[in-house]
mmCIF file of all heavy atoms, coordinates in Angstrom:
data_MODEL
# 
_entry.id   MODEL 
# 
loop_
_atom_site.group_PDB 
_atom_site.id 
_atom_site.type_symbol 
_atom_site.label_atom_id 
_atom_site.label_alt_id 
_atom_site.label_comp_id 
_atom_site.label_asym_id 
_atom_site.label_entity_id 
_atom_site.label_seq_id 
_atom_site.pdbx_PDB_ins_code 
_atom_site.Cartn_x 
_atom_site.Cartn_y 
_atom_site.Cartn_z 
_atom_site.occupancy 
_atom_site.B_iso_or_equiv 
_atom_site.pdbx_formal_charge 
_atom_site.auth_seq_id 
_atom_site.auth_comp_id 
_atom_site.auth_asym_id 
_atom_site.auth_atom_id 
_atom_site.pdbx_PDB_model_num 
ATOM 1   N N   . LYS A 1 1  ? 62.992 43.865 2.263   1.00 0.00 ? 1  LYS A N   1 
ATOM 2   C CA  . LYS A 1 1  ? 62.844 43.131 3.518   1.00 0.00 ? 1  LYS A CA  1 
ATOM 3   C C   . LYS A 1 1  ? 61.404 42.675 3.710   1.00 0.00 ? 1  LYS A C   1 
ATOM 4   O O   . LYS A 1 1  ? 60.466 43.260 3.150   1.00 0.00 ? 1  LYS A O   1 
ATOM 5   C CB  . LYS A 1 1  ? 63.263 44.007 4.704   1.00 0.00 ? 1  LYS A CB  1 
ATOM 6   C CG  . LYS A 1 1  ? 64.752 44.323 4.763   1.00 0.00 ? 1  LYS A CG  1 
ATOM 7   C CD  . LYS A 1 1  ? 65.096 45.035 6.074   1.00 0.00 ? 1  LYS A CD  1 
ATOM 8   C CE  . LYS A 1 1  ? 66.597 45.198 6.241   1.00 0.00 ? 1  LYS A CE  1 
ATOM 9   N NZ  . LYS A 1 1  ? 66.926 45.782 7.577   1.00 0.00 ? 1  LYS A NZ  1 
ATOM 10  N N   . PHE A 1 2  ? 61.255 41.656 4.518   1.00 0.00 ? 2  PHE A N   1 
ATOM 11  C CA  . PHE A 1 2  ? 59.937 41.158 4.929   1.00 0.00 ? 2  PHE A CA  1 
ATOM 12  C C   . PHE A 1 2  ? 59.763 41.460 6.411   1.00 0.00 ? 2  PHE A C   1 
ATOM 13  O O   . PHE A 1 2  ? 60.658 41.193 7.219   1.00 0.00 ? 2  PHE A O   1 
ATOM 14  C CB  . PHE A 1 2  ? 59.842 39.647 4.693   1.00 0.00 ? 2  PHE A CB  1 
ATOM 15  C CG  . PHE A 1 2  ? 58.587 39.019 5.252   1.00 0.00 ? 2  PHE A CG  1 
ATOM 16  C CD1 . PHE A 1 2  ? 57.407 39.025 4.534   1.00 0.00 ? 2  PHE A CD1 1 
ATOM 17  C CD2 . PHE A 1 2  ? 58.595 38.418 6.511   1.00 0.00 ? 2  PHE A CD2 1 
ATOM 18  C CE1 . PHE A 1 2  ? 56.247 38.449 5.048   1.00 0.00 ? 2  PHE A CE1 1 
ATOM 19  C CE2 . PHE A 1 2  ? 57.450 37.841 7.027   1.00 0.00 ? 2  PHE A CE2 1 
ATOM 20  C CZ  . PHE A 1 2  ? 56.273 37.856 6.292   1.00 0.00 ? 2  PHE A CZ  1 
ATOM 21  N N   . ARG A 1 3  ? 58.603 42.030 6.786   1.00 0.00 ? 3  ARG A N   1 
ATOM 22  C CA  . ARG A 1 3  ? 58.336 42.344 8.186   1.00 0.00 ? 3  ARG A CA  1 
ATOM 23  C C   . ARG A 1 3  ? 56.959 41.811 8.574   1.00 0.00 ? 3  ARG A C   1 
ATOM 24  O O   . ARG A 1 3  ? 55.974 41.975 7.844   1.00 0.00 ? 3  ARG A O   1 
ATOM 25  C CB  . ARG A 1 3  ? 58.385 43.851 8.424   1.00 0.00 ? 3  ARG A CB  1 
ATOM 26  C CG  . ARG A 1 3  ? 57.980 44.250 9.869   1.00 0.00 ? 3  ARG A CG  1 
ATOM 27  C CD  . ARG A 1 3  ? 58.473 45.619 10.242  1.00 0.00 ? 3  ARG A CD  1 
ATOM 28  N NE  . ARG A 1 3  ? 58.137 46.631 9.254   1.00 0.00 ? 3  ARG A NE  1 
ATOM 29  C CZ  . ARG A 1 3  ? 58.885 47.707 8.996   1.00 0.00 ? 3  ARG A CZ  1 
ATOM 30  N NH1 . ARG A 1 3  ? 60.008 47.900 9.651   1.00 0.00 ? 3  ARG A NH1 1 
ATOM 31  N NH2 . ARG A 1 3  ? 58.508 48.589 8.105   1.00 0.00 ? 3  ARG A NH2 1 
ATOM 32  N N   . PHE A 1 4  ? 56.887 41.169 9.729   1.00 0.00 ? 4  PHE A N   1 
ATOM 33  C CA  . PHE A 1 4  ? 55.620 40.731 10.297  1.00 0.00 ? 4  PHE A CA  1 
ATOM 34  C C   . PHE A 1 4  ? 55.013 41.911 11.048  1.00 0.00 ? 4  PHE A C   1 
ATOM 35  O O   . PHE A 1 4  ? 55.600 42.441 11.983  1.00 0.00 ? 4  PHE A O   1 
ATOM 36  C CB  . PHE A 1 4  ? 55.855 39.546 11.236  1.00 0.00 ? 4  PHE A CB  1 
ATOM 37  C CG  . PHE A 1 4  ? 54.606 39.038 11.896  1.00 0.00 ? 4  PHE A CG  1 
ATOM 38  C CD1 . PHE A 1 4  ? 53.444 38.829 11.174  1.00 0.00 ? 4  PHE A CD1 1 
ATOM 39  C CD2 . PHE A 1 4  ? 54.594 38.739 13.260  1.00 0.00 ? 4  PHE A CD2 1 
ATOM 40  C CE1 . PHE A 1 4  ? 52.290 38.353 11.785  1.00 0.00 ? 4  PHE A CE1 1 
ATOM 41  C CE2 . PHE A 1 4  ? 53.458 38.256 13.877  1.00 0.00 ? 4  PHE A CE2 1 
ATOM 42  C CZ  . PHE A 1 4  ? 52.303 38.069 13.138  1.00 0.00 ? 4  PHE A CZ  1 
ATOM 43  N N   . VAL A 1 5  ? 53.817 42.368 10.632  1.00 0.00 ? 5  VAL A N   1 
ATOM 44  C CA  . VAL A 1 5  ? 53.213 43.573 11.189  1.00 0.00 ? 5  VAL A CA  1 
ATOM 45  C C   . VAL A 1 5  ? 52.204 43.247 12.286  1.00 0.00 ? 5  VAL A C   1 
ATOM 46  O O   . VAL A 1 5  ? 52.243 43.802 13.378  1.00 0.00 ? 5  VAL A O   1 
ATOM 47  C CB  . VAL A 1 5  ? 52.539 44.400 10.063  1.00 0.00 ? 5  VAL A CB  1 
ATOM 48  C CG1 . VAL A 1 5  ? 51.869 45.645 10.651  1.00 0.00 ? 5  VAL A CG1 1 
ATOM 49  C CG2 . VAL A 1 5  ? 53.575 44.806 9.023   1.00 0.00 ? 5  VAL A CG2 1 
ATOM 50  N N   . ASN A 1 6  ? 51.220 42.399 11.986  1.00 0.00 ? 6  ASN A N   1 
ATOM 51  C CA  . ASN A 1 6  ? 50.232 41.962 12.976  1.00 0.00 ? 6  ASN A CA  1 
ATOM 52  C C   . ASN A 1 6  ? 49.473 43.143 13.581  1.00 0.00 ? 6  ASN A C   1 
ATOM 53  O O   . ASN A 1 6  ? 49.313 43.257 14.790  1.00 0.00 ? 6  ASN A O   1 
ATOM 54  C CB  . ASN A 1 6  ? 50.919 41.135 14.074  1.00 0.00 ? 6  ASN A CB  1 
ATOM 55  C CG  . ASN A 1 6  ? 49.915 40.418 14.962  1.00 0.00 ? 6  ASN A CG  1 
ATOM 56  O OD1 . ASN A 1 6  ? 48.757 40.231 14.579  1.00 0.00 ? 6  ASN A OD1 1 
ATOM 57  N ND2 . ASN A 1 6  ? 50.349 40.030 16.156  1.00 0.00 ? 6  ASN A ND2 1 
ATOM 58  N N   . GLN A 1 7  ? 48.978 44.024 12.723  1.00 0.00 ? 7  GLN A N   1 
ATOM 59  C CA  . GLN A 1 7  ? 48.270 45.227 13.182  1.00 0.00 ? 7  GLN A CA  1 
ATOM 60  C C   . GLN A 1 7  ? 46.791 45.133 12.837  1.00 0.00 ? 7  GLN A C   1 
ATOM 61  O O   . GLN A 1 7  ? 46.409 44.981 11.681  1.00 0.00 ? 7  GLN A O   1 
ATOM 62  C CB  . GLN A 1 7  ? 48.883 46.471 12.525  1.00 0.00 ? 7  GLN A CB  1 
ATOM 63  C CG  . GLN A 1 7  ? 48.169 47.770 12.885  1.00 0.00 ? 7  GLN A CG  1 
ATOM 64  C CD  . GLN A 1 7  ? 48.741 48.959 12.152  1.00 0.00 ? 7  GLN A CD  1 
ATOM 65  O OE1 . GLN A 1 7  ? 49.906 48.943 11.757  1.00 0.00 ? 7  GLN A OE1 1 
ATOM 66  N NE2 . GLN A 1 7  ? 47.937 49.988 11.948  1.00 0.00 ? 7  GLN A NE2 1 
ATOM 67  N N   . GLY A 1 8  ? 45.923 45.241 13.854  1.00 0.00 ? 8  GLY A N   1 
ATOM 68  C CA  . GLY A 1 8  ? 44.494 45.240 13.634  1.00 0.00 ? 8  GLY A CA  1 
ATOM 69  C C   . GLY A 1 8  ? 44.029 46.537 12.993  1.00 0.00 ? 8  GLY A C   1 
ATOM 70  O O   . GLY A 1 8  ? 44.674 47.586 13.114  1.00 0.00 ? 8  GLY A O   1 
ATOM 71  N N   . PHE A 1 9  ? 42.892 46.461 12.291  1.00 0.00 ? 9  PHE A N   1 
ATOM 72  C CA  . PHE A 1 9  ? 42.356 47.628 11.605  1.00 0.00 ? 9  PHE A CA  1 
ATOM 73  C C   . PHE A 1 9  ? 40.835 47.581 11.717  1.00 0.00 ? 9  PHE A C   1 
ATOM 74  O O   . PHE A 1 9  ? 40.209 46.585 11.349  1.00 0.00 ? 9  PHE A O   1 
ATOM 75  C CB  . PHE A 1 9  ? 42.782 47.616 10.135  1.00 0.00 ? 9  PHE A CB  1 
ATOM 76  C CG  . PHE A 1 9  ? 42.462 48.875 9.379   1.00 0.00 ? 9  PHE A CG  1 
ATOM 77  C CD1 . PHE A 1 9  ? 43.390 49.889 9.267   1.00 0.00 ? 9  PHE A CD1 1 
ATOM 78  C CD2 . PHE A 1 9  ? 41.216 49.056 8.796   1.00 0.00 ? 9  PHE A CD2 1 
ATOM 79  C CE1 . PHE A 1 9  ? 43.098 51.060 8.574   1.00 0.00 ? 9  PHE A CE1 1 
ATOM 80  C CE2 . PHE A 1 9  ? 40.906 50.209 8.104   1.00 0.00 ? 9  PHE A CE2 1 
ATOM 81  C CZ  . PHE A 1 9  ? 41.853 51.222 8.002   1.00 0.00 ? 9  PHE A CZ  1 
ATOM 82  N N   . ASN A 1 10 ? 40.249 48.666 12.232  1.00 0.00 ? 10 ASN A N   1 
ATOM 83  C CA  . ASN A 1 10 ? 38.796 48.717 12.380  1.00 0.00 ? 10 ASN A CA  1 
ATOM 84  C C   . ASN A 1 10 ? 38.123 48.868 11.017  1.00 0.00 ? 10 ASN A C   1 
ATOM 85  O O   . ASN A 1 10 ? 38.569 49.639 10.175  1.00 0.00 ? 10 ASN A O   1 
ATOM 86  C CB  . ASN A 1 10 ? 38.388 49.882 13.287  1.00 0.00 ? 10 ASN A CB  1 
ATOM 87  C CG  . ASN A 1 10 ? 38.728 49.618 14.736  1.00 0.00 ? 10 ASN A CG  1 
ATOM 88  O OD1 . ASN A 1 10 ? 38.540 48.507 15.227  1.00 0.00 ? 10 ASN A OD1 1 
ATOM 89  N ND2 . ASN A 1 10 ? 39.250 50.619 15.432  1.00 0.00 ? 10 ASN A ND2 1 
ATOM 90  N N   . GLY A 1 11 ? 37.044 48.142 10.825  1.00 0.00 ? 11 GLY A N   1 
ATOM 91  C CA  . GLY A 1 11 ? 36.346 48.165 9.546   1.00 0.00 ? 11 GLY A CA  1 
ATOM 92  C C   . GLY A 1 11 ? 36.754 46.979 8.694   1.00 0.00 ? 11 GLY A C   1 
ATOM 93  O O   . GLY A 1 11 ? 37.695 46.243 9.005   1.00 0.00 ? 11 GLY A O   1 
ATOM 94  N N   . GLY A 1 12 ? 36.058 46.775 7.588   1.00 0.00 ? 12 GLY A N   1 
ATOM 95  C CA  . GLY A 1 12 ? 36.319 45.647 6.706   1.00 0.00 ? 12 GLY A CA  1 
ATOM 96  C C   . GLY A 1 12 ? 37.185 46.036 5.520   1.00 0.00 ? 12 GLY A C   1 
ATOM 97  O O   . GLY A 1 12 ? 38.024 46.939 5.590   1.00 0.00 ? 12 GLY A O   1 
ATOM 98  N N   . LEU A 1 13 ? 36.934 45.352 4.392   1.00 0.00 ? 13 LEU A N   1 
ATOM 99  C CA  . LEU A 1 13 ? 37.773 45.544 3.214   1.00 0.00 ? 13 LEU A CA  1 
ATOM 100 C C   . LEU A 1 13 ? 37.667 46.957 2.657   1.00 0.00 ? 13 LEU A C   1 
ATOM 101 O O   . LEU A 1 13 ? 38.668 47.553 2.268   1.00 0.00 ? 13 LEU A O   1 
ATOM 102 C CB  . LEU A 1 13 ? 37.372 44.511 2.147   1.00 0.00 ? 13 LEU A CB  1 
ATOM 103 C CG  . LEU A 1 13 ? 38.162 44.535 0.841   1.00 0.00 ? 13 LEU A CG  1 
ATOM 104 C CD1 . LEU A 1 13 ? 39.645 44.355 1.098   1.00 0.00 ? 13 LEU A CD1 1 
ATOM 105 C CD2 . LEU A 1 13 ? 37.649 43.463 -0.106  1.00 0.00 ? 13 LEU A CD2 1 
ATOM 106 N N   . LYS A 1 14 ? 36.469 47.518 2.619   1.00 0.00 ? 14 LYS A N   1 
ATOM 107 C CA  . LYS A 1 14 ? 36.297 48.858 2.047   1.00 0.00 ? 14 LYS A CA  1 
ATOM 108 C C   . LYS A 1 14 ? 37.083 49.925 2.818   1.00 0.00 ? 14 LYS A C   1 
ATOM 109 O O   . LYS A 1 14 ? 37.857 50.682 2.219   1.00 0.00 ? 14 LYS A O   1 
ATOM 110 C CB  . LYS A 1 14 ? 34.814 49.207 1.984   1.00 0.00 ? 14 LYS A CB  1 
ATOM 111 C CG  . LYS A 1 14 ? 34.508 50.586 1.413   1.00 0.00 ? 14 LYS A CG  1 
ATOM 112 C CD  . LYS A 1 14 ? 32.998 50.793 1.306   1.00 0.00 ? 14 LYS A CD  1 
ATOM 113 C CE  . LYS A 1 14 ? 32.673 52.165 0.707   1.00 0.00 ? 14 LYS A CE  1 
ATOM 114 N NZ  . LYS A 1 14 ? 32.987 53.258 1.622   1.00 0.00 ? 14 LYS A NZ  1 
ATOM 115 N N   . PRO A 1 15 ? 36.930 50.047 4.156   1.00 0.00 ? 15 PRO A N   1 
ATOM 116 C CA  . PRO A 1 15 ? 37.730 51.054 4.870   1.00 0.00 ? 15 PRO A CA  1 
ATOM 117 C C   . PRO A 1 15 ? 39.229 50.817 4.753   1.00 0.00 ? 15 PRO A C   1 
ATOM 118 O O   . PRO A 1 15 ? 40.007 51.774 4.675   1.00 0.00 ? 15 PRO A O   1 
ATOM 119 C CB  . PRO A 1 15 ? 37.252 50.911 6.325   1.00 0.00 ? 15 PRO A CB  1 
ATOM 120 C CG  . PRO A 1 15 ? 35.903 50.281 6.229   1.00 0.00 ? 15 PRO A CG  1 
ATOM 121 C CD  . PRO A 1 15 ? 35.962 49.373 5.048   1.00 0.00 ? 15 PRO A CD  1 
ATOM 122 N N   . LEU A 1 16 ? 39.634 49.549 4.730   1.00 0.00 ? 16 LEU A N   1 
ATOM 123 C CA  . LEU A 1 16 ? 41.060 49.251 4.607   1.00 0.00 ? 16 LEU A CA  1 
ATOM 124 C C   . LEU A 1 16 ? 41.586 49.724 3.253   1.00 0.00 ? 16 LEU A C   1 
ATOM 125 O O   . LEU A 1 16 ? 42.642 50.372 3.173   1.00 0.00 ? 16 LEU A O   1 
ATOM 126 C CB  . LEU A 1 16 ? 41.289 47.747 4.767   1.00 0.00 ? 16 LEU A CB  1 
ATOM 127 C CG  . LEU A 1 16 ? 42.742 47.273 4.667   1.00 0.00 ? 16 LEU A CG  1 
ATOM 128 C CD1 . LEU A 1 16 ? 43.562 47.796 5.832   1.00 0.00 ? 16 LEU A CD1 1 
ATOM 129 C CD2 . LEU A 1 16 ? 42.804 45.749 4.617   1.00 0.00 ? 16 LEU A CD2 1 
ATOM 130 N N   . ALA A 1 17 ? 40.849 49.411 2.184   1.00 0.00 ? 17 ALA A N   1 
ATOM 131 C CA  . ALA A 1 17 ? 41.274 49.842 0.853   1.00 0.00 ? 17 ALA A CA  1 
ATOM 132 C C   . ALA A 1 17 ? 41.320 51.363 0.757   1.00 0.00 ? 17 ALA A C   1 
ATOM 133 O O   . ALA A 1 17 ? 42.258 51.938 0.174   1.00 0.00 ? 17 ALA A O   1 
ATOM 134 C CB  . ALA A 1 17 ? 40.332 49.262 -0.205  1.00 0.00 ? 17 ALA A CB  1 
ATOM 135 N N   . GLU A 1 18 ? 40.319 52.025 1.321   1.00 0.00 ? 18 GLU A N   1 
ATOM 136 C CA  . GLU A 1 18 ? 40.296 53.490 1.282   1.00 0.00 ? 18 GLU A CA  1 
ATOM 137 C C   . GLU A 1 18 ? 41.443 54.084 2.099   1.00 0.00 ? 18 GLU A C   1 
ATOM 138 O O   . GLU A 1 18 ? 41.986 55.142 1.745   1.00 0.00 ? 18 GLU A O   1 
ATOM 139 C CB  . GLU A 1 18 ? 38.948 53.990 1.785   1.00 0.00 ? 18 GLU A CB  1 
ATOM 140 C CG  . GLU A 1 18 ? 37.811 53.675 0.818   1.00 0.00 ? 18 GLU A CG  1 
ATOM 141 C CD  . GLU A 1 18 ? 36.444 54.069 1.354   1.00 0.00 ? 18 GLU A CD  1 
ATOM 142 O OE1 . GLU A 1 18 ? 36.276 54.126 2.598   1.00 0.00 ? 18 GLU A OE1 1 
ATOM 143 O OE2 . GLU A 1 18 ? 35.542 54.310 0.541   1.00 0.00 ? 18 GLU A OE2 1 
ATOM 144 N N   . TYR A 1 19 ? 41.828 53.425 3.179   1.00 0.00 ? 19 TYR A N   1 
ATOM 145 C CA  . TYR A 1 19 ? 42.966 53.874 3.983   1.00 0.00 ? 19 TYR A CA  1 
ATOM 146 C C   . TYR A 1 19 ? 44.236 53.932 3.139   1.00 0.00 ? 19 TYR A C   1 
ATOM 147 O O   . TYR A 1 19 ? 45.073 54.831 3.292   1.00 0.00 ? 19 TYR A O   1 
ATOM 148 C CB  . TYR A 1 19 ? 43.156 52.939 5.171   1.00 0.00 ? 19 TYR A CB  1 
ATOM 149 C CG  . TYR A 1 19 ? 44.435 53.134 5.932   1.00 0.00 ? 19 TYR A CG  1 
ATOM 150 C CD1 . TYR A 1 19 ? 44.594 54.186 6.824   1.00 0.00 ? 19 TYR A CD1 1 
ATOM 151 C CD2 . TYR A 1 19 ? 45.506 52.253 5.764   1.00 0.00 ? 19 TYR A CD2 1 
ATOM 152 C CE1 . TYR A 1 19 ? 45.786 54.365 7.529   1.00 0.00 ? 19 TYR A CE1 1 
ATOM 153 C CE2 . TYR A 1 19 ? 46.696 52.418 6.454   1.00 0.00 ? 19 TYR A CE2 1 
ATOM 154 C CZ  . TYR A 1 19 ? 46.827 53.473 7.337   1.00 0.00 ? 19 TYR A CZ  1 
ATOM 155 O OH  . TYR A 1 19 ? 48.000 53.648 8.029   1.00 0.00 ? 19 TYR A OH  1 
ATOM 156 N N   . PHE A 1 20 ? 44.371 52.967 2.218   1.00 0.00 ? 20 PHE A N   1 
ATOM 157 C CA  . PHE A 1 20 ? 45.547 52.937 1.349   1.00 0.00 ? 20 PHE A CA  1 
ATOM 158 C C   . PHE A 1 20 ? 45.349 53.758 0.071   1.00 0.00 ? 20 PHE A C   1 
ATOM 159 O O   . PHE A 1 20 ? 46.200 53.728 -0.813  1.00 0.00 ? 20 PHE A O   1 
ATOM 160 C CB  . PHE A 1 20 ? 45.901 51.498 0.985   1.00 0.00 ? 20 PHE A CB  1 
ATOM 161 C CG  . PHE A 1 20 ? 46.510 50.718 2.120   1.00 0.00 ? 20 PHE A CG  1 
ATOM 162 C CD1 . PHE A 1 20 ? 45.903 49.564 2.591   1.00 0.00 ? 20 PHE A CD1 1 
ATOM 163 C CD2 . PHE A 1 20 ? 47.687 51.131 2.711   1.00 0.00 ? 20 PHE A CD2 1 
ATOM 164 C CE1 . PHE A 1 20 ? 46.462 48.839 3.624   1.00 0.00 ? 20 PHE A CE1 1 
ATOM 165 C CE2 . PHE A 1 20 ? 48.265 50.412 3.749   1.00 0.00 ? 20 PHE A CE2 1 
ATOM 166 C CZ  . PHE A 1 20 ? 47.648 49.262 4.220   1.00 0.00 ? 20 PHE A CZ  1 
ATOM 167 N N   . GLY A 1 21 ? 44.234 54.479 -0.041  1.00 0.00 ? 21 GLY A N   1 
ATOM 168 C CA  . GLY A 1 21 ? 44.045 55.402 -1.151  1.00 0.00 ? 21 GLY A CA  1 
ATOM 169 C C   . GLY A 1 21 ? 43.261 54.866 -2.331  1.00 0.00 ? 21 GLY A C   1 
ATOM 170 O O   . GLY A 1 21 ? 43.193 55.519 -3.374  1.00 0.00 ? 21 GLY A O   1 
ATOM 171 N N   . VAL A 1 22 ? 42.638 53.683 -2.181  1.00 0.00 ? 22 VAL A N   1 
ATOM 172 C CA  . VAL A 1 22 ? 41.843 53.118 -3.275  1.00 0.00 ? 22 VAL A CA  1 
ATOM 173 C C   . VAL A 1 22 ? 40.466 53.773 -3.280  1.00 0.00 ? 22 VAL A C   1 
ATOM 174 O O   . VAL A 1 22 ? 39.832 53.912 -2.227  1.00 0.00 ? 22 VAL A O   1 
ATOM 175 C CB  . VAL A 1 22 ? 41.698 51.590 -3.123  1.00 0.00 ? 22 VAL A CB  1 
ATOM 176 C CG1 . VAL A 1 22 ? 40.874 51.014 -4.272  1.00 0.00 ? 22 VAL A CG1 1 
ATOM 177 C CG2 . VAL A 1 22 ? 43.071 50.935 -3.074  1.00 0.00 ? 22 VAL A CG2 1 
ATOM 178 N N   . GLU A 1 23 ? 40.000 54.192 -4.455  1.00 0.00 ? 23 GLU A N   1 
ATOM 179 C CA  . GLU A 1 23 ? 38.654 54.737 -4.582  1.00 0.00 ? 23 GLU A CA  1 
ATOM 180 C C   . GLU A 1 23 ? 37.682 53.597 -4.828  1.00 0.00 ? 23 GLU A C   1 
ATOM 181 O O   . GLU A 1 23 ? 37.827 52.838 -5.788  1.00 0.00 ? 23 GLU A O   1 
ATOM 182 C CB  . GLU A 1 23 ? 38.586 55.742 -5.736  1.00 0.00 ? 23 GLU A CB  1 
ATOM 183 C CG  . GLU A 1 23 ? 39.397 57.001 -5.485  1.00 0.00 ? 23 GLU A CG  1 
ATOM 184 C CD  . GLU A 1 23 ? 39.140 58.053 -6.545  1.00 0.00 ? 23 GLU A CD  1 
ATOM 185 O OE1 . GLU A 1 23 ? 37.991 58.157 -7.009  1.00 0.00 ? 23 GLU A OE1 1 
ATOM 186 O OE2 . GLU A 1 23 ? 40.087 58.749 -6.918  1.00 0.00 ? 23 GLU A OE2 1 
ATOM 187 N N   . ILE A 1 24 ? 36.683 53.473 -3.955  1.00 0.00 ? 24 ILE A N   1 
ATOM 188 C CA  . ILE A 1 24 ? 35.771 52.334 -3.977  1.00 0.00 ? 24 ILE A CA  1 
ATOM 189 C C   . ILE A 1 24 ? 34.424 52.738 -4.547  1.00 0.00 ? 24 ILE A C   1 
ATOM 190 O O   . ILE A 1 24 ? 33.846 53.763 -4.168  1.00 0.00 ? 24 ILE A O   1 
ATOM 191 C CB  . ILE A 1 24 ? 35.579 51.758 -2.558  1.00 0.00 ? 24 ILE A CB  1 
ATOM 192 C CG1 . ILE A 1 24 ? 36.934 51.332 -1.987  1.00 0.00 ? 24 ILE A CG1 1 
ATOM 193 C CG2 . ILE A 1 24 ? 34.603 50.596 -2.567  1.00 0.00 ? 24 ILE A CG2 1 
ATOM 194 C CD1 . ILE A 1 24 ? 37.641 50.285 -2.801  1.00 0.00 ? 24 ILE A CD1 1 
ATOM 195 N N   . ASN A 1 25 ? 33.917 51.908 -5.439  1.00 0.00 ? 25 ASN A N   1 
ATOM 196 C CA  . ASN A 1 25 ? 32.564 52.075 -5.954  1.00 0.00 ? 25 ASN A CA  1 
ATOM 197 C C   . ASN A 1 25 ? 31.667 51.093 -5.220  1.00 0.00 ? 25 ASN A C   1 
ATOM 198 O O   . ASN A 1 25 ? 31.677 49.902 -5.498  1.00 0.00 ? 25 ASN A O   1 
ATOM 199 C CB  . ASN A 1 25 ? 32.524 51.798 -7.460  1.00 0.00 ? 25 ASN A CB  1 
ATOM 200 C CG  . ASN A 1 25 ? 31.109 51.851 -8.012  1.00 0.00 ? 25 ASN A CG  1 
ATOM 201 O OD1 . ASN A 1 25 ? 30.208 52.384 -7.375  1.00 0.00 ? 25 ASN A OD1 1 
ATOM 202 N ND2 . ASN A 1 25 ? 30.919 51.296 -9.201  1.00 0.00 ? 25 ASN A ND2 1 
ATOM 203 N N   . ASP A 1 26 ? 30.891 51.582 -4.243  1.00 0.00 ? 26 ASP A N   1 
ATOM 204 C CA  . ASP A 1 26 ? 30.010 50.702 -3.485  1.00 0.00 ? 26 ASP A CA  1 
ATOM 205 C C   . ASP A 1 26 ? 28.556 50.887 -3.872  1.00 0.00 ? 26 ASP A C   1 
ATOM 206 O O   . ASP A 1 26 ? 27.640 50.506 -3.148  1.00 0.00 ? 26 ASP A O   1 
ATOM 207 C CB  . ASP A 1 26 ? 30.177 50.909 -1.976  1.00 0.00 ? 26 ASP A CB  1 
ATOM 208 C CG  . ASP A 1 26 ? 29.986 52.358 -1.561  1.00 0.00 ? 26 ASP A CG  1 
ATOM 209 O OD1 . ASP A 1 26 ? 29.680 53.195 -2.442  1.00 0.00 ? 26 ASP A OD1 1 
ATOM 210 O OD2 . ASP A 1 26 ? 30.142 52.654 -0.362  1.00 0.00 ? 26 ASP A OD2 1 
ATOM 211 N N   . GLN A 1 27 ? 28.323 51.503 -5.039  1.00 0.00 ? 27 GLN A N   1 
ATOM 212 C CA  . GLN A 1 27 ? 26.962 51.658 -5.533  1.00 0.00 ? 27 GLN A CA  1 
ATOM 213 C C   . GLN A 1 27 ? 26.572 50.438 -6.344  1.00 0.00 ? 27 GLN A C   1 
ATOM 214 O O   . GLN A 1 27 ? 27.402 49.822 -6.997  1.00 0.00 ? 27 GLN A O   1 
ATOM 215 C CB  . GLN A 1 27 ? 26.864 52.906 -6.423  1.00 0.00 ? 27 GLN A CB  1 
ATOM 216 C CG  . GLN A 1 27 ? 27.225 54.188 -5.690  1.00 0.00 ? 27 GLN A CG  1 
ATOM 217 C CD  . GLN A 1 27 ? 26.318 54.451 -4.503  1.00 0.00 ? 27 GLN A CD  1 
ATOM 218 O OE1 . GLN A 1 27 ? 25.105 54.310 -4.618  1.00 0.00 ? 27 GLN A OE1 1 
ATOM 219 N NE2 . GLN A 1 27 ? 26.903 54.823 -3.372  1.00 0.00 ? 27 GLN A NE2 1 
ATOM 220 N N   . PRO A 1 28 ? 25.301 50.032 -6.337  1.00 0.00 ? 28 PRO A N   1 
ATOM 221 C CA  . PRO A 1 28 ? 24.879 48.902 -7.162  1.00 0.00 ? 28 PRO A CA  1 
ATOM 222 C C   . PRO A 1 28 ? 25.028 49.224 -8.633  1.00 0.00 ? 28 PRO A C   1 
ATOM 223 O O   . PRO A 1 28 ? 24.979 50.377 -9.049  1.00 0.00 ? 28 PRO A O   1 
ATOM 224 C CB  . PRO A 1 28 ? 23.391 48.715 -6.778  1.00 0.00 ? 28 PRO A CB  1 
ATOM 225 C CG  . PRO A 1 28 ? 22.964 50.048 -6.257  1.00 0.00 ? 28 PRO A CG  1 
ATOM 226 C CD  . PRO A 1 28 ? 24.172 50.631 -5.586  1.00 0.00 ? 28 PRO A CD  1 
ATOM 227 N N   . ASN A 1 29 ? 25.219 48.150 -9.450  1.00 0.00 ? 29 ASN A N   1 
ATOM 228 C CA  . ASN A 1 29 ? 25.361 48.325 -10.881 1.00 0.00 ? 29 ASN A CA  1 
ATOM 229 C C   . ASN A 1 29 ? 24.032 48.728 -11.501 1.00 0.00 ? 29 ASN A C   1 
ATOM 230 O O   . ASN A 1 29 ? 23.038 48.031 -11.392 1.00 0.00 ? 29 ASN A O   1 
ATOM 231 C CB  . ASN A 1 29 ? 25.850 47.031 -11.529 1.00 0.00 ? 29 ASN A CB  1 
ATOM 232 C CG  . ASN A 1 29 ? 27.278 46.736 -11.138 1.00 0.00 ? 29 ASN A CG  1 
ATOM 233 O OD1 . ASN A 1 29 ? 28.179 47.496 -11.440 1.00 0.00 ? 29 ASN A OD1 1 
ATOM 234 N ND2 . ASN A 1 29 ? 27.470 45.625 -10.434 1.00 0.00 ? 29 ASN A ND2 1 
# 
């Protein structure tokens, strides 16, 4: 099924990705 969610989330891409369990490398190369 397809569902329209329209839910706001505080923070940008990094907090959103971490919310879904993605491990983020935010250190410089």
